[in-house]
Amino acid sequence: MKVYSVLALAVIASMQAQANDTAATDKVWTTSAELGAITTSGNTVGTSITGKIDAKQELQQWSNQYIFSAFFKEDEKTDDNGDKYTEKSAEKYLISAKAAYKLDNEFDKLFAFGSYTDDEFGAYTEYTTVALGYGTRVYNTEDKYLDVEIGPGYFTGKRSTGETENGLIVRGAAAFNWTISESASFAQTLSVEYGDDNTRTISETSLLAKINGSLQMKAAFVVQNDSSVPEGKKSTDTQTSLTLVYSF
């Protein structure tokens, strides 16, 4: 997978932080891994398997996040002779990295972000985004908080027709978290990448329920919308999933 050059901006910033942040010798990681079944609608329809790894690293001066997710689907079909066979109908991979430099004021950060999506059956088979910007927390209580970020960026995309696009974008994102109880929490994330050729919007709504100290059950609904897609492709894809999440 050609992701190293795609994520160079965010990864280099993160590596530089780790080299220079000598005051923070102990790196603190919070990692979650999830796996489960998923039903989809849009450009791909059926039942499949999804997985995700989300790793967060807190240093004295830096806050870094690395995400990898995969989605694979095979459908069983019947040919003209009545024989059954399996056919792949979806294969999607996403990798992203974000390095955020903490400013003097609490929750204020400067960030570098990069992501790469490989979606064999999507309206865009490849989609790359890099962005820089500023983030802060605009709402904060004992059980709820809302983080927002915004900044300029650049994208390149390859349509399912083989055409390529690229250009400047403005990327905005928000993350809302609500701790409902000791055993349940709600999260809502939203990102919008606005460009002249295409505007990509991704929203995830999720509810987590704790099973034990490290294991949770997660129900999630993801919507991805592209404002400009090739003929024959739908602009909106949705995913509804129920997964087990292990945190360590």
C-alpha atoms as a PDB file:
ATOM      1  CA  MET A   1       0.000   0.000   0.000  1.00  0.00           C
ATOM      2  CA  LYS A   2       1.417   3.339  -1.060  1.00  0.00           C
ATOM      3  CA  VAL A   3       0.772   5.257   2.136  1.00  0.00           C
ATOM      4  CA  TYR A   4       4.211   6.378   3.357  1.00  0.00           C
ATOM      5  CA  SER A   5       4.521   9.351   1.032  1.00  0.00           C
ATOM      6  CA  VAL A   6       0.870  10.188   1.597  1.00  0.00           C
ATOM      7  CA  LEU A   7       1.282  10.572   5.333  1.00  0.00           C
ATOM      8  CA  ALA A   8       4.748  12.152   5.240  1.00  0.00           C
ATOM      9  CA  LEU A   9       3.658  15.515   6.629  1.00  0.00           C
ATOM     10  CA  ALA A  10       1.986  14.144   9.749  1.00  0.00           C
ATOM     11  CA  VAL A  11       4.431  11.327  10.358  1.00  0.00           C
ATOM     12  CA  ILE A  12       7.536  13.534  10.015  1.00  0.00           C
ATOM     13  CA  ALA A  13       6.062  16.024  12.471  1.00  0.00           C
ATOM     14  CA  SER A  14       5.363  13.226  14.919  1.00  0.00           C
ATOM     15  CA  MET A  15       8.856  11.751  14.587  1.00  0.00           C
ATOM     16  CA  GLN A  16      10.424  15.176  15.094  1.00  0.00           C
ATOM     17  CA  ALA A  17       8.361  15.652  18.227  1.00  0.00           C
ATOM     18  CA  GLN A  18       9.546  12.386  19.706  1.00  0.00           C
ATOM     19  CA  ALA A  19      13.177  13.264  18.980  1.00  0.00           C
ATOM     20  CA  ASN A  20      13.010  16.733  20.506  1.00  0.00           C
ATOM     21  CA  ASP A  21      10.625  16.215  23.414  1.00  0.00           C
ATOM     22  CA  THR A  22      13.318  15.055  25.818  1.00  0.00           C
ATOM     23  CA  ALA A  23      11.352  16.096  28.871  1.00  0.00           C
ATOM     24  CA  ALA A  24       8.802  13.366  28.190  1.00  0.00           C
ATOM     25  CA  THR A  25      10.804  10.147  28.323  1.00  0.00           C
ATOM     26  CA  ASP A  26       7.819   7.915  29.038  1.00  0.00           C
ATOM     27  CA  LYS A  27       5.417   7.724  26.109  1.00  0.00           C
ATOM     28  CA  VAL A  28       1.810   7.167  27.123  1.00  0.00           C
ATOM     29  CA  TRP A  29      -0.275   5.122  24.695  1.00  0.00           C
ATOM     30  CA  THR A  30      -4.022   4.510  24.638  1.00  0.00           C
ATOM     31  CA  THR A  31      -4.952   1.947  22.002  1.00  0.00           C
ATOM     32  CA  SER A  32      -8.240   0.331  21.008  1.00  0.00           C
ATOM     33  CA  ALA A  33      -8.825  -2.504  18.557  1.00  0.00           C
ATOM     34  CA  GLU A  34     -12.267  -3.401  17.261  1.00  0.00           C
ATOM     35  CA  LEU A  35     -13.700  -6.177  15.129  1.00  0.00           C
ATOM     36  CA  GLY A  36     -17.235  -7.031  14.089  1.00  0.00           C
ATOM     37  CA  ALA A  37     -19.939  -7.560  11.518  1.00  0.00           C
ATOM     38  CA  ILE A  38     -21.329  -4.738   9.415  1.00  0.00           C
ATOM     39  CA  THR A  39     -24.221  -4.055   7.068  1.00  0.00           C
ATOM     40  CA  THR A  40     -23.801  -1.486   4.303  1.00  0.00           C
ATOM     41  CA  SER A  41     -25.817   0.502   1.814  1.00  0.00           C
ATOM     42  CA  GLY A  42     -24.819   2.760  -1.069  1.00  0.00           C
ATOM     43  CA  ASN A  43     -22.132   1.735  -3.532  1.00  0.00           C
ATOM     44  CA  THR A  44     -21.710  -1.572  -1.656  1.00  0.00           C
ATOM     45  CA  VAL A  45     -24.572  -3.596  -0.156  1.00  0.00           C
ATOM     46  CA  GLY A  46     -24.319  -6.699   1.982  1.00  0.00           C
ATOM     47  CA  THR A  47     -22.779  -8.219   5.085  1.00  0.00           C
ATOM     48  CA  SER A  48     -19.088  -8.078   5.827  1.00  0.00           C
ATOM     49  CA  ILE A  49     -16.266  -7.830   8.364  1.00  0.00           C
ATOM     50  CA  THR A  50     -14.763  -4.593   9.611  1.00  0.00           C
ATOM     51  CA  GLY A  51     -11.796  -3.856  11.851  1.00  0.00           C
ATOM     52  CA  LYS A  52     -10.091  -0.789  13.258  1.00  0.00           C
ATOM     53  CA  ILE A  53      -7.048   0.139  15.342  1.00  0.00           C
ATOM     54  CA  ASP A  54      -6.941   3.570  16.989  1.00  0.00           C
ATOM     55  CA  ALA A  55      -3.718   4.481  18.827  1.00  0.00           C
ATOM     56  CA  LYS A  56      -3.273   7.745  20.749  1.00  0.00           C
ATOM     57  CA  GLN A  57       0.020   8.957  22.179  1.00  0.00           C
ATOM     58  CA  GLU A  58       0.296  11.715  24.783  1.00  0.00           C
ATOM     59  CA  LEU A  59       3.690  13.365  25.263  1.00  0.00           C
ATOM     60  CA  GLN A  60       4.502  16.449  27.282  1.00  0.00           C
ATOM     61  CA  GLN A  61       4.300  18.767  24.273  1.00  0.00           C
ATOM     62  CA  TRP A  62       2.634  16.586  21.624  1.00  0.00           C
ATOM     63  CA  SER A  63      -0.595  14.657  21.183  1.00  0.00           C
ATOM     64  CA  ASN A  64      -0.494  12.121  18.333  1.00  0.00           C
ATOM     65  CA  GLN A  65      -3.102   9.781  16.847  1.00  0.00           C
ATOM     66  CA  TYR A  66      -2.771   6.924  14.354  1.00  0.00           C
ATOM     67  CA  ILE A  67      -5.735   5.096  12.815  1.00  0.00           C
ATOM     68  CA  PHE A  68      -5.948   2.058  10.559  1.00  0.00           C
ATOM     69  CA  SER A  69      -9.258   0.559   9.434  1.00  0.00           C
ATOM     70  CA  ALA A  70     -10.222  -2.156   6.965  1.00  0.00           C
ATOM     71  CA  PHE A  71     -13.472  -3.317   5.433  1.00  0.00           C
ATOM     72  CA  PHE A  72     -13.833  -6.484   3.340  1.00  0.00           C
ATOM     73  CA  LYS A  73     -16.938  -8.065   1.856  1.00  0.00           C
ATOM     74  CA  GLU A  74     -17.713 -11.132  -0.233  1.00  0.00           C
ATOM     75  CA  ASP A  75     -21.150 -12.037  -1.607  1.00  0.00           C
ATOM     76  CA  GLU A  76     -22.393 -15.482  -2.444  1.00  0.00           C
ATOM     77  CA  LYS A  77     -23.950 -15.690  -5.918  1.00  0.00           C
ATOM     78  CA  THR A  78     -25.409 -18.323  -8.206  1.00  0.00           C
ATOM     79  CA  ASP A  79     -24.392 -18.778 -11.838  1.00  0.00           C
ATOM     80  CA  ASP A  80     -26.575 -19.845 -14.777  1.00  0.00           C
ATOM     81  CA  ASN A  81     -25.952 -23.504 -13.975  1.00  0.00           C
ATOM     82  CA  GLY A  82     -27.123 -23.137 -10.396  1.00  0.00           C
ATOM     83  CA  ASP A  83     -23.642 -23.406  -8.938  1.00  0.00           C
ATOM     84  CA  LYS A  84     -22.803 -21.057  -6.082  1.00  0.00           C
ATOM     85  CA  TYR A  85     -19.656 -18.951  -5.965  1.00  0.00           C
ATOM     86  CA  THR A  86     -18.272 -16.061  -3.929  1.00  0.00           C
ATOM     87  CA  GLU A  87     -17.471 -12.683  -5.376  1.00  0.00           C
ATOM     88  CA  LYS A  88     -15.655  -9.813  -3.677  1.00  0.00           C
ATOM     89  CA  SER A  89     -17.842  -6.728  -3.633  1.00  0.00           C
ATOM     90  CA  ALA A  90     -15.973  -4.427  -1.259  1.00  0.00           C
ATOM     91  CA  GLU A  91     -12.409  -3.850  -0.113  1.00  0.00           C
ATOM     92  CA  LYS A  92     -11.504  -0.621   1.618  1.00  0.00           C
ATOM     93  CA  TYR A  93      -8.509   0.485   3.690  1.00  0.00           C
ATOM     94  CA  LEU A  94      -7.923   3.738   5.545  1.00  0.00           C
ATOM     95  CA  ILE A  95      -4.793   4.931   7.309  1.00  0.00           C
ATOM     96  CA  SER A  96      -4.366   8.324   8.948  1.00  0.00           C
ATOM     97  CA  ALA A  97      -1.967  10.109  11.267  1.00  0.00           C
ATOM     98  CA  LYS A  98      -2.230  13.369  13.167  1.00  0.00           C
ATOM     99  CA  ALA A  99       0.470  15.151  15.162  1.00  0.00           C
ATOM    100  CA  ALA A 100      -0.724  18.036  17.362  1.00  0.00           C
ATOM    101  CA  TYR A 101       1.630  20.466  19.118  1.00  0.00           C
ATOM    102  CA  LYS A 102       0.227  21.707  22.424  1.00  0.00           C
ATOM    103  CA  LEU A 103       0.175  25.472  22.935  1.00  0.00           C
ATOM    104  CA  ASP A 104       0.311  27.338  26.241  1.00  0.00           C
ATOM    105  CA  ASN A 105      -3.450  27.536  26.678  1.00  0.00           C
ATOM    106  CA  GLU A 106      -5.089  24.269  27.706  1.00  0.00           C
ATOM    107  CA  PHE A 107      -6.589  22.335  24.750  1.00  0.00           C
ATOM    108  CA  ASP A 108      -5.138  24.731  22.134  1.00  0.00           C
ATOM    109  CA  LYS A 109      -3.067  22.901  19.492  1.00  0.00           C
ATOM    110  CA  LEU A 110      -1.431  23.250  16.090  1.00  0.00           C
ATOM    111  CA  PHE A 111      -1.770  20.079  14.045  1.00  0.00           C
ATOM    112  CA  ALA A 112      -0.549  18.287  10.938  1.00  0.00           C
ATOM    113  CA  PHE A 113      -2.892  15.669   9.482  1.00  0.00           C
ATOM    114  CA  GLY A 114      -2.618  13.134   6.684  1.00  0.00           C
ATOM    115  CA  SER A 115      -4.898  10.347   5.470  1.00  0.00           C
ATOM    116  CA  TYR A 116      -5.009   7.828   2.637  1.00  0.00           C
ATOM    117  CA  THR A 117      -8.044   5.794   1.537  1.00  0.00           C
ATOM    118  CA  ASP A 118      -7.929   2.853  -0.865  1.00  0.00           C
ATOM    119  CA  ASP A 119     -11.475   1.858  -1.867  1.00  0.00           C
ATOM    120  CA  GLU A 120     -11.605  -0.627  -4.755  1.00  0.00           C
ATOM    121  CA  PHE A 121     -15.359  -0.283  -5.296  1.00  0.00           C
ATOM    122  CA  GLY A 122     -15.906   3.344  -4.252  1.00  0.00           C
ATOM    123  CA  ALA A 123     -16.651   6.445  -6.283  1.00  0.00           C
ATOM    124  CA  TYR A 124     -13.015   7.374  -5.576  1.00  0.00           C
ATOM    125  CA  THR A 125     -10.689   4.368  -5.589  1.00  0.00           C
ATOM    126  CA  GLU A 126      -7.901   6.417  -3.993  1.00  0.00           C
ATOM    127  CA  TYR A 127      -8.187   9.545  -1.858  1.00  0.00           C
ATOM    128  CA  THR A 128      -5.350  11.396  -0.143  1.00  0.00           C
ATOM    129  CA  THR A 129      -5.589  14.383   2.182  1.00  0.00           C
ATOM    130  CA  VAL A 130      -2.951  16.435   4.000  1.00  0.00           C
ATOM    131  CA  ALA A 131      -3.790  19.458   6.140  1.00  0.00           C
ATOM    132  CA  LEU A 132      -2.364  21.864   8.713  1.00  0.00           C
ATOM    133  CA  GLY A 133      -4.333  23.910  11.167  1.00  0.00           C
ATOM    134  CA  TYR A 134      -5.459  24.927  14.636  1.00  0.00           C
ATOM    135  CA  GLY A 135      -7.629  23.046  17.112  1.00  0.00           C
ATOM    136  CA  THR A 136      -9.209  23.836  20.455  1.00  0.00           C
ATOM    137  CA  ARG A 137     -11.939  22.751  22.870  1.00  0.00           C
ATOM    138  CA  VAL A 138     -15.002  24.968  22.645  1.00  0.00           C
ATOM    139  CA  TYR A 139     -17.171  23.183  25.216  1.00  0.00           C
ATOM    140  CA  ASN A 140     -16.057  21.358  28.352  1.00  0.00           C
ATOM    141  CA  THR A 141     -17.972  20.022  31.349  1.00  0.00           C
ATOM    142  CA  GLU A 142     -17.445  17.149  33.732  1.00  0.00           C
ATOM    143  CA  ASP A 143     -19.117  14.617  31.427  1.00  0.00           C
ATOM    144  CA  LYS A 144     -19.112  16.286  27.976  1.00  0.00           C
ATOM    145  CA  TYR A 145     -16.660  18.040  25.682  1.00  0.00           C
ATOM    146  CA  LEU A 146     -16.494  19.300  22.103  1.00  0.00           C
ATOM    147  CA  ASP A 147     -13.208  19.684  20.204  1.00  0.00           C
ATOM    148  CA  VAL A 148     -12.975  21.497  16.859  1.00  0.00           C
ATOM    149  CA  GLU A 149     -10.187  22.080  14.343  1.00  0.00           C
ATOM    150  CA  ILE A 150      -9.789  23.868  11.031  1.00  0.00           C
ATOM    151  CA  GLY A 151      -7.064  24.573   8.512  1.00  0.00           C
ATOM    152  CA  PRO A 152      -5.973  24.577   4.856  1.00  0.00           C
ATOM    153  CA  GLY A 153      -4.918  21.434   3.048  1.00  0.00           C
ATOM    154  CA  TYR A 154      -4.449  19.606  -0.223  1.00  0.00           C
ATOM    155  CA  PHE A 155      -6.114  16.544  -1.717  1.00  0.00           C
ATOM    156  CA  THR A 156      -5.569  14.140  -4.577  1.00  0.00           C
ATOM    157  CA  GLY A 157      -8.179  11.670  -5.736  1.00  0.00           C
ATOM    158  CA  LYS A 158      -8.555   8.961  -8.353  1.00  0.00           C
ATOM    159  CA  ARG A 159     -12.096   8.359  -9.573  1.00  0.00           C
ATOM    160  CA  SER A 160     -13.466   4.921 -10.438  1.00  0.00           C
ATOM    161  CA  THR A 161     -13.311   6.050 -14.079  1.00  0.00           C
ATOM    162  CA  GLY A 162      -9.537   6.465 -13.810  1.00  0.00           C
ATOM    163  CA  GLU A 163      -9.585  10.270 -13.836  1.00  0.00           C
ATOM    164  CA  THR A 164      -7.433  12.047 -11.256  1.00  0.00           C
ATOM    165  CA  GLU A 165      -8.171  15.241  -9.360  1.00  0.00           C
ATOM    166  CA  ASN A 166      -6.170  17.413  -6.994  1.00  0.00           C
ATOM    167  CA  GLY A 167      -6.372  20.835  -5.437  1.00  0.00           C
ATOM    168  CA  LEU A 168      -6.509  22.977  -2.330  1.00  0.00           C
ATOM    169  CA  ILE A 169      -9.108  22.313   0.357  1.00  0.00           C
ATOM    170  CA  VAL A 170     -10.274  23.690   3.670  1.00  0.00           C
ATOM    171  CA  ARG A 171     -10.611  20.961   6.280  1.00  0.00           C
ATOM    172  CA  GLY A 172     -12.779  21.298   9.363  1.00  0.00           C
ATOM    173  CA  ALA A 173     -13.462  18.636  11.999  1.00  0.00           C
ATOM    174  CA  ALA A 174     -15.337  18.270  15.276  1.00  0.00           C
ATOM    175  CA  ALA A 175     -15.473  15.568  17.960  1.00  0.00           C
ATOM    176  CA  PHE A 176     -18.138  15.434  20.673  1.00  0.00           C
ATOM    177  CA  ASN A 177     -17.932  13.001  23.588  1.00  0.00           C
ATOM    178  CA  TRP A 178     -20.450  12.375  26.337  1.00  0.00           C
ATOM    179  CA  THR A 179     -19.815  10.078  29.291  1.00  0.00           C
ATOM    180  CA  ILE A 180     -23.346   8.917  30.034  1.00  0.00           C
ATOM    181  CA  SER A 181     -22.401   6.683  32.952  1.00  0.00           C
ATOM    182  CA  GLU A 182     -19.508   4.600  34.226  1.00  0.00           C
ATOM    183  CA  SER A 183     -20.427   1.905  31.711  1.00  0.00           C
ATOM    184  CA  ALA A 184     -21.720   3.864  28.687  1.00  0.00           C
ATOM    185  CA  SER A 185     -20.557   6.708  26.471  1.00  0.00           C
ATOM    186  CA  PHE A 186     -21.644   8.489  23.280  1.00  0.00           C
ATOM    187  CA  ALA A 187     -19.397   9.952  20.573  1.00  0.00           C
ATOM    188  CA  GLN A 188     -20.023  11.992  17.434  1.00  0.00           C
ATOM    189  CA  THR A 189     -17.298  12.933  14.961  1.00  0.00           C
ATOM    190  CA  LEU A 190     -17.597  15.006  11.795  1.00  0.00           C
ATOM    191  CA  SER A 191     -15.046  16.072   9.179  1.00  0.00           C
ATOM    192  CA  VAL A 192     -15.605  18.229   6.099  1.00  0.00           C
ATOM    193  CA  GLU A 193     -12.984  18.659   3.364  1.00  0.00           C
ATOM    194  CA  TYR A 194     -14.200  21.451   1.088  1.00  0.00           C
ATOM    195  CA  GLY A 195     -12.655  21.844  -2.364  1.00  0.00           C
ATOM    196  CA  ASP A 196     -13.559  23.141  -5.801  1.00  0.00           C
ATOM    197  CA  ASP A 197     -13.653  19.657  -7.365  1.00  0.00           C
ATOM    198  CA  ASN A 198     -15.193  17.719  -4.502  1.00  0.00           C
ATOM    199  CA  THR A 199     -16.354  18.126  -0.918  1.00  0.00           C
ATOM    200  CA  ARG A 200     -15.990  15.015   1.234  1.00  0.00           C
ATOM    201  CA  THR A 201     -18.011  14.774   4.458  1.00  0.00           C
ATOM    202  CA  ILE A 202     -17.591  11.914   6.942  1.00  0.00           C
ATOM    203  CA  SER A 203     -19.752  11.494  10.043  1.00  0.00           C
ATOM    204  CA  GLU A 204     -19.634   8.764  12.696  1.00  0.00           C
ATOM    205  CA  THR A 205     -22.184   8.350  15.482  1.00  0.00           C
ATOM    206  CA  SER A 206     -21.358   5.707  18.075  1.00  0.00           C
ATOM    207  CA  LEU A 207     -22.510   4.348  21.405  1.00  0.00           C
ATOM    208  CA  LEU A 208     -20.193   2.278  23.618  1.00  0.00           C
ATOM    209  CA  ALA A 209     -21.219   0.012  26.477  1.00  0.00           C
ATOM    210  CA  LYS A 210     -18.613  -1.495  28.802  1.00  0.00           C
ATOM    211  CA  ILE A 211     -18.629  -5.278  29.203  1.00  0.00           C
ATOM    212  CA  ASN A 212     -15.678  -5.437  31.579  1.00  0.00           C
ATOM    213  CA  GLY A 213     -12.577  -3.381  32.316  1.00  0.00           C
ATOM    214  CA  SER A 214     -11.040  -3.677  28.839  1.00  0.00           C
ATOM    215  CA  LEU A 215     -13.873  -4.916  26.612  1.00  0.00           C
ATOM    216  CA  GLN A 216     -16.700  -2.821  25.188  1.00  0.00           C
ATOM    217  CA  MET A 217     -19.562  -3.253  22.758  1.00  0.00           C
ATOM    218  CA  LYS A 218     -19.817  -0.506  20.122  1.00  0.00           C
ATOM    219  CA  ALA A 219     -22.749   0.348  17.869  1.00  0.00           C
ATOM    220  CA  ALA A 220     -21.876   2.833  15.132  1.00  0.00           C
ATOM    221  CA  PHE A 221     -23.379   4.526  12.099  1.00  0.00           C
ATOM    222  CA  VAL A 222     -20.991   6.050   9.533  1.00  0.00           C
ATOM    223  CA  VAL A 223     -21.976   8.281   6.609  1.00  0.00           C
ATOM    224  CA  GLN A 224     -19.572   9.336   3.853  1.00  0.00           C
ATOM    225  CA  ASN A 225     -20.671  11.794   1.181  1.00  0.00           C
ATOM    226  CA  ASP A 226     -18.841  13.075  -1.902  1.00  0.00           C
ATOM    227  CA  SER A 227     -20.391  16.044  -3.669  1.00  0.00           C
ATOM    228  CA  SER A 228     -19.027  15.001  -7.089  1.00  0.00           C
ATOM    229  CA  VAL A 229     -19.036  11.351  -8.186  1.00  0.00           C
ATOM    230  CA  PRO A 230     -18.842   9.553 -11.561  1.00  0.00           C
ATOM    231  CA  GLU A 231     -22.043   8.586 -13.353  1.00  0.00           C
ATOM    232  CA  GLY A 232     -23.448   5.347 -11.993  1.00  0.00           C
ATOM    233  CA  LYS A 233     -22.000   5.859  -8.509  1.00  0.00           C
ATOM    234  CA  LYS A 234     -23.944   7.036  -5.479  1.00  0.00           C
ATOM    235  CA  SER A 235     -22.750  10.102  -3.610  1.00  0.00           C
ATOM    236  CA  THR A 236     -23.484   8.698  -0.141  1.00  0.00           C
ATOM    237  CA  ASP A 237     -22.257   5.489   1.478  1.00  0.00           C
ATOM    238  CA  THR A 238     -23.454   4.338   4.902  1.00  0.00           C
ATOM    239  CA  GLN A 239     -22.201   1.706   7.324  1.00  0.00           C
ATOM    240  CA  THR A 240     -24.043   0.344  10.333  1.00  0.00           C
ATOM    241  CA  SER A 241     -21.891  -1.826  12.582  1.00  0.00           C
ATOM    242  CA  LEU A 242     -21.844  -3.675  15.873  1.00  0.00           C
ATOM    243  CA  THR A 243     -18.314  -4.432  17.067  1.00  0.00           C
ATOM    244  CA  LEU A 244     -16.355  -5.595  20.075  1.00  0.00           C
ATOM    245  CA  VAL A 245     -13.698  -3.108  21.205  1.00  0.00           C
ATOM    246  CA  TYR A 246     -10.657  -4.098  23.258  1.00  0.00           C
ATOM    247  CA  SER A 247      -8.722  -1.256  24.883  1.00  0.00           C
ATOM    248  CA  PHE A 248      -5.157  -1.497  26.141  1.00  0.00           C
END
